[in-house]
Amino acid sequence: MALRFEIQDTIRIQIGRYNAVGTQLTVRLLPHTDNSDPVGNFLSRVNELFEYALQDVSDSDMVGINIQNQVNQNDKPIGINFRRKHQLSGEVICSVFKKCQIPMQDITAWTRLS
């Protein structure tokens, strides 16, 4: 199955102080053909992105996520606190968006996120 997102850039950073590795992905969700459930489509694409990005992460590793709109740099990054790999999902992202009062319809397929 083809990926429903495009990786535009990958940066890996060694954080010696914590004996950790940070990875920054800049991605663009590809447009979907079914517009009947945009939130459901977004969630399935984000879950697929998580599976891809976390495939080499151990279950015991802690993962934190920052999401930033690459087009509008005035938007502040959204952070998701460190949690275990299995605790991340599209629903977590939606919950954070709701807390930040970002309407799901504002997250389009053409939005570049890093």
N, C-alpha and C. Protein backbone atom coordinates (compact mmCIF):
# COMPACT_ATOMS: atom_id res chain seq x y z
N MET A 1 0.84 -1.18 0.00
CA MET A 1 0.00 0.00 0.00
C MET A 1 0.89 1.24 0.00
N ALA A 2 0.56 2.20 -0.83
CA ALA A 2 1.32 3.44 -0.93
C ALA A 2 1.05 4.33 0.27
N LEU A 3 2.08 5.06 0.68
CA LEU A 3 1.93 5.99 1.79
C LEU A 3 1.01 7.13 1.40
N ARG A 4 0.20 7.60 2.34
CA ARG A 4 -0.73 8.69 2.07
C ARG A 4 -0.20 10.01 2.61
N PHE A 5 1.12 10.10 2.68
CA PHE A 5 1.79 11.33 3.08
C PHE A 5 3.13 11.37 2.37
N GLU A 6 3.71 12.53 2.30
CA GLU A 6 4.99 12.71 1.63
C GLU A 6 5.99 13.25 2.64
N ILE A 7 7.12 12.55 2.78
CA ILE A 7 8.20 13.03 3.64
C ILE A 7 9.01 14.02 2.82
N GLN A 8 9.05 15.26 3.25
CA GLN A 8 9.77 16.29 2.52
C GLN A 8 11.17 16.52 3.06
N ASP A 9 11.39 16.21 4.34
CA ASP A 9 12.71 16.41 4.93
C ASP A 9 12.80 15.58 6.21
N THR A 10 14.00 15.08 6.50
CA THR A 10 14.25 14.34 7.72
C THR A 10 15.56 14.84 8.32
N ILE A 11 15.51 15.21 9.60
CA ILE A 11 16.71 15.65 10.31
C ILE A 11 16.82 14.82 11.58
N ARG A 12 18.01 14.23 11.81
CA ARG A 12 18.26 13.47 13.03
C ARG A 12 19.27 14.25 13.87
N ILE A 13 18.98 14.34 15.17
CA ILE A 13 19.82 15.09 16.08
C ILE A 13 20.18 14.20 17.26
N GLN A 14 21.48 14.08 17.55
CA GLN A 14 21.94 13.33 18.72
C GLN A 14 21.94 14.27 19.91
N ILE A 15 21.27 13.88 20.98
CA ILE A 15 21.19 14.68 22.19
C ILE A 15 22.01 13.94 23.25
N GLY A 16 23.31 14.25 23.31
CA GLY A 16 24.24 13.53 24.17
C GLY A 16 23.91 13.63 25.64
N ARG A 17 23.45 14.77 26.06
CA ARG A 17 23.16 14.98 27.49
C ARG A 17 22.15 13.96 28.01
N TYR A 18 21.21 13.58 27.17
CA TYR A 18 20.16 12.63 27.57
C TYR A 18 20.34 11.26 26.93
N ASN A 19 21.44 11.08 26.21
CA ASN A 19 21.67 9.83 25.49
C ASN A 19 20.44 9.48 24.64
N ALA A 20 20.00 10.44 23.86
CA ALA A 20 18.78 10.27 23.07
C ALA A 20 19.02 10.76 21.64
N VAL A 21 18.12 10.37 20.78
CA VAL A 21 18.14 10.81 19.38
C VAL A 21 16.81 11.49 19.09
N GLY A 22 16.88 12.66 18.48
CA GLY A 22 15.68 13.36 18.05
C GLY A 22 15.56 13.27 16.54
N THR A 23 14.37 13.12 16.05
CA THR A 23 14.12 13.07 14.62
C THR A 23 13.05 14.08 14.28
N GLN A 24 13.33 14.91 13.29
CA GLN A 24 12.35 15.89 12.82
C GLN A 24 11.95 15.51 11.41
N LEU A 25 10.67 15.30 11.21
CA LEU A 25 10.13 15.01 9.88
C LEU A 25 9.31 16.20 9.43
N THR A 26 9.52 16.63 8.20
CA THR A 26 8.63 17.60 7.58
C THR A 26 7.79 16.82 6.58
N VAL A 27 6.48 16.83 6.78
CA VAL A 27 5.60 16.00 5.97
C VAL A 27 4.47 16.82 5.39
N ARG A 28 3.89 16.28 4.34
CA ARG A 28 2.68 16.84 3.76
C ARG A 28 1.73 15.67 3.56
N LEU A 29 0.55 15.80 4.14
CA LEU A 29 -0.46 14.76 3.92
C LEU A 29 -0.97 14.89 2.49
N LEU A 30 -1.02 13.79 1.78
CA LEU A 30 -1.49 13.82 0.40
C LEU A 30 -3.00 13.99 0.36
N PRO A 31 -3.51 14.63 -0.69
CA PRO A 31 -4.96 14.85 -0.77
C PRO A 31 -5.71 13.51 -0.83
N HIS A 32 -6.88 13.52 -0.26
CA HIS A 32 -7.71 12.32 -0.28
C HIS A 32 -8.86 12.53 -1.26
N THR A 33 -9.36 11.44 -1.78
CA THR A 33 -10.42 11.53 -2.78
C THR A 33 -11.81 11.48 -2.15
N ASP A 34 -11.90 10.96 -0.94
CA ASP A 34 -13.20 10.83 -0.27
C ASP A 34 -13.38 12.00 0.68
N ASN A 35 -14.24 12.95 0.33
CA ASN A 35 -14.47 14.13 1.16
C ASN A 35 -15.64 13.96 2.12
N SER A 36 -16.20 12.76 2.21
CA SER A 36 -17.38 12.56 3.05
C SER A 36 -17.03 12.58 4.55
N ASP A 37 -15.78 12.27 4.89
CA ASP A 37 -15.37 12.24 6.30
C ASP A 37 -13.96 12.81 6.44
N PRO A 38 -13.82 14.14 6.35
CA PRO A 38 -12.47 14.73 6.39
C PRO A 38 -11.73 14.47 7.70
N VAL A 39 -12.43 14.47 8.83
CA VAL A 39 -11.77 14.22 10.11
C VAL A 39 -11.29 12.77 10.17
N GLY A 40 -12.12 11.85 9.74
CA GLY A 40 -11.73 10.44 9.71
C GLY A 40 -10.55 10.19 8.80
N ASN A 41 -10.55 10.86 7.63
CA ASN A 41 -9.42 10.74 6.71
C ASN A 41 -8.15 11.29 7.34
N PHE A 42 -8.26 12.44 8.02
CA PHE A 42 -7.11 13.03 8.67
C PHE A 42 -6.56 12.09 9.74
N LEU A 43 -7.45 11.54 10.57
CA LEU A 43 -7.02 10.64 11.64
C LEU A 43 -6.31 9.40 11.09
N SER A 44 -6.85 8.82 10.03
CA SER A 44 -6.22 7.62 9.47
C SER A 44 -4.85 7.94 8.89
N ARG A 45 -4.69 9.12 8.29
CA ARG A 45 -3.39 9.51 7.74
C ARG A 45 -2.38 9.80 8.84
N VAL A 46 -2.83 10.45 9.91
CA VAL A 46 -1.93 10.73 11.03
C VAL A 46 -1.51 9.42 11.70
N ASN A 47 -2.44 8.49 11.89
CA ASN A 47 -2.09 7.19 12.46
C ASN A 47 -1.08 6.46 11.58
N GLU A 48 -1.26 6.53 10.26
CA GLU A 48 -0.32 5.91 9.33
C GLU A 48 1.05 6.58 9.44
N LEU A 49 1.06 7.90 9.58
CA LEU A 49 2.32 8.63 9.75
C LEU A 49 3.01 8.22 11.04
N PHE A 50 2.25 8.08 12.14
CA PHE A 50 2.83 7.63 13.40
C PHE A 50 3.45 6.25 13.25
N GLU A 51 2.74 5.34 12.60
CA GLU A 51 3.28 3.99 12.41
C GLU A 51 4.60 4.05 11.66
N TYR A 52 4.67 4.88 10.62
CA TYR A 52 5.89 5.02 9.84
C TYR A 52 7.01 5.63 10.68
N ALA A 53 6.71 6.76 11.34
CA ALA A 53 7.74 7.50 12.08
C ALA A 53 8.25 6.74 13.29
N LEU A 54 7.41 5.88 13.88
CA LEU A 54 7.77 5.20 15.12
C LEU A 54 8.14 3.73 14.91
N GLN A 55 8.31 3.30 13.67
CA GLN A 55 8.55 1.89 13.41
C GLN A 55 9.84 1.37 14.03
N ASP A 56 10.85 2.22 14.21
CA ASP A 56 12.11 1.77 14.80
C ASP A 56 12.25 2.15 16.27
N VAL A 57 11.17 2.63 16.87
CA VAL A 57 11.19 3.06 18.26
C VAL A 57 10.79 1.88 19.14
N SER A 58 11.56 1.68 20.20
CA SER A 58 11.27 0.61 21.15
C SER A 58 10.01 0.96 21.95
N ASP A 59 9.28 -0.06 22.36
CA ASP A 59 8.07 0.16 23.15
C ASP A 59 8.35 0.88 24.46
N SER A 60 9.55 0.74 24.99
CA SER A 60 9.89 1.38 26.26
C SER A 60 10.38 2.82 26.09
N ASP A 61 10.60 3.25 24.85
CA ASP A 61 11.07 4.61 24.60
C ASP A 61 9.95 5.62 24.82
N MET A 62 10.33 6.79 25.27
CA MET A 62 9.40 7.90 25.43
C MET A 62 9.48 8.77 24.18
N VAL A 63 8.33 9.22 23.71
CA VAL A 63 8.26 10.00 22.47
C VAL A 63 7.50 11.29 22.75
N GLY A 64 8.07 12.40 22.33
CA GLY A 64 7.40 13.69 22.41
C GLY A 64 7.23 14.23 21.00
N ILE A 65 6.19 14.98 20.77
CA ILE A 65 5.91 15.47 19.42
C ILE A 65 5.64 16.97 19.47
N ASN A 66 6.24 17.68 18.53
CA ASN A 66 5.92 19.08 18.29
C ASN A 66 5.41 19.19 16.87
N ILE A 67 4.32 19.90 16.68
CA ILE A 67 3.74 20.09 15.35
C ILE A 67 3.76 21.58 15.06
N GLN A 68 4.32 21.93 13.90
CA GLN A 68 4.37 23.33 13.52
C GLN A 68 3.98 23.48 12.06
N ASN A 69 3.17 24.49 11.80
CA ASN A 69 2.76 24.82 10.44
C ASN A 69 3.96 25.46 9.74
N GLN A 70 4.44 24.84 8.67
CA GLN A 70 5.61 25.35 7.96
C GLN A 70 5.27 26.52 7.05
N VAL A 71 3.99 26.68 6.70
CA VAL A 71 3.59 27.76 5.81
C VAL A 71 3.43 29.06 6.58
N ASN A 72 2.74 29.00 7.72
CA ASN A 72 2.51 30.18 8.53
C ASN A 72 3.38 30.08 9.78
N GLN A 73 4.58 30.67 9.72
CA GLN A 73 5.53 30.58 10.82
C GLN A 73 5.07 31.36 12.05
N ASN A 74 4.05 32.20 11.92
CA ASN A 74 3.53 32.93 13.07
C ASN A 74 2.74 32.03 14.00
N ASP A 75 2.26 30.89 13.48
CA ASP A 75 1.56 29.92 14.33
C ASP A 75 2.58 29.32 15.30
N LYS A 76 2.22 29.22 16.55
CA LYS A 76 3.11 28.62 17.54
C LYS A 76 3.06 27.10 17.39
N PRO A 77 4.18 26.43 17.67
CA PRO A 77 4.17 24.96 17.62
C PRO A 77 3.23 24.39 18.67
N ILE A 78 2.67 23.24 18.38
CA ILE A 78 1.82 22.51 19.31
C ILE A 78 2.65 21.34 19.82
N GLY A 79 2.70 21.18 21.12
CA GLY A 79 3.50 20.10 21.70
C GLY A 79 2.63 19.02 22.31
N ILE A 80 3.09 17.79 22.18
CA ILE A 80 2.45 16.66 22.83
C ILE A 80 3.49 16.11 23.80
N ASN A 81 3.14 16.07 25.07
CA ASN A 81 4.07 15.63 26.11
C ASN A 81 4.62 14.25 25.82
N PHE A 82 5.79 13.98 26.41
CA PHE A 82 6.41 12.67 26.26
C PHE A 82 5.48 11.59 26.80
N ARG A 83 5.38 10.55 26.01
CA ARG A 83 4.57 9.39 26.39
C ARG A 83 5.10 8.17 25.65
N ARG A 84 4.65 7.03 26.04
CA ARG A 84 5.11 5.79 25.38
C ARG A 84 4.53 5.71 23.97
N LYS A 85 5.23 4.98 23.15
CA LYS A 85 4.88 4.84 21.73
C LYS A 85 3.42 4.44 21.54
N HIS A 86 2.94 3.47 22.30
CA HIS A 86 1.58 2.96 22.10
C HIS A 86 0.50 3.96 22.55
N GLN A 87 0.91 5.05 23.21
CA GLN A 87 -0.04 6.04 23.68
C GLN A 87 -0.26 7.18 22.69
N LEU A 88 0.38 7.10 21.53
CA LEU A 88 0.22 8.13 20.50
C LEU A 88 -0.76 7.66 19.44
N SER A 89 -1.65 8.55 19.03
CA SER A 89 -2.62 8.23 17.99
C SER A 89 -3.16 9.52 17.39
N GLY A 90 -3.90 9.37 16.32
CA GLY A 90 -4.56 10.53 15.71
C GLY A 90 -5.53 11.18 16.66
N GLU A 91 -6.16 10.38 17.53
CA GLU A 91 -7.10 10.93 18.50
C GLU A 91 -6.40 11.87 19.48
N VAL A 92 -5.13 11.55 19.83
CA VAL A 92 -4.35 12.42 20.71
C VAL A 92 -4.13 13.77 20.02
N ILE A 93 -3.79 13.72 18.73
CA ILE A 93 -3.58 14.96 17.96
C ILE A 93 -4.86 15.78 17.94
N CYS A 94 -5.99 15.15 17.65
CA CYS A 94 -7.27 15.87 17.63
C CYS A 94 -7.58 16.50 18.97
N SER A 95 -7.31 15.78 20.03
CA SER A 95 -7.54 16.31 21.38
C SER A 95 -6.70 17.56 21.63
N VAL A 96 -5.44 17.52 21.20
CA VAL A 96 -4.56 18.69 21.37
C VAL A 96 -5.05 19.84 20.51
N PHE A 97 -5.46 19.56 19.27
CA PHE A 97 -5.99 20.62 18.40
C PHE A 97 -7.21 21.28 19.03
N LYS A 98 -8.09 20.47 19.62
CA LYS A 98 -9.29 21.02 20.25
C LYS A 98 -8.93 21.92 21.42
N LYS A 99 -7.93 21.51 22.20
CA LYS A 99 -7.50 22.33 23.33
C LYS A 99 -6.92 23.66 22.86
N CYS A 100 -6.30 23.64 21.69
CA CYS A 100 -5.71 24.87 21.13
C CYS A 100 -6.72 25.64 20.30
N GLN A 101 -7.93 25.12 20.21
CA GLN A 101 -9.02 25.73 19.45
C GLN A 101 -8.67 25.88 17.96
N ILE A 102 -8.08 24.81 17.41
CA ILE A 102 -7.79 24.76 15.98
C ILE A 102 -8.85 23.89 15.33
N PRO A 103 -9.71 24.48 14.48
CA PRO A 103 -10.73 23.67 13.82
C PRO A 103 -10.08 22.66 12.86
N MET A 104 -10.60 21.43 12.88
CA MET A 104 -10.05 20.39 12.02
C MET A 104 -10.13 20.78 10.54
N GLN A 105 -11.13 21.57 10.15
CA GLN A 105 -11.24 21.94 8.75
C GLN A 105 -10.10 22.87 8.31
N ASP A 106 -9.38 23.48 9.27
CA ASP A 106 -8.25 24.32 8.94
C ASP A 106 -7.00 23.51 8.61
N ILE A 107 -6.99 22.23 8.93
CA ILE A 107 -5.86 21.36 8.63
C ILE A 107 -6.17 20.69 7.30
N THR A 108 -5.61 21.22 6.25
CA THR A 108 -5.90 20.70 4.91
C THR A 108 -4.83 19.71 4.48
N ALA A 109 -5.10 19.04 3.41
CA ALA A 109 -4.14 18.07 2.88
C ALA A 109 -2.88 18.76 2.40
N TRP A 110 -2.94 20.04 2.13
CA TRP A 110 -1.77 20.73 1.58
C TRP A 110 -0.94 21.39 2.66
N THR A 111 -1.36 21.33 3.91
CA THR A 111 -0.62 21.93 5.01
C THR A 111 0.67 21.15 5.24
N ARG A 112 1.79 21.86 5.29
CA ARG A 112 3.07 21.22 5.59
C ARG A 112 3.30 21.31 7.08
N LEU A 113 3.53 20.17 7.71
CA LEU A 113 3.76 20.12 9.16
C LEU A 113 5.13 19.55 9.42
N SER A 114 5.76 20.03 10.46
CA SER A 114 7.03 19.43 10.86
C SER A 114 7.00 19.16 12.34
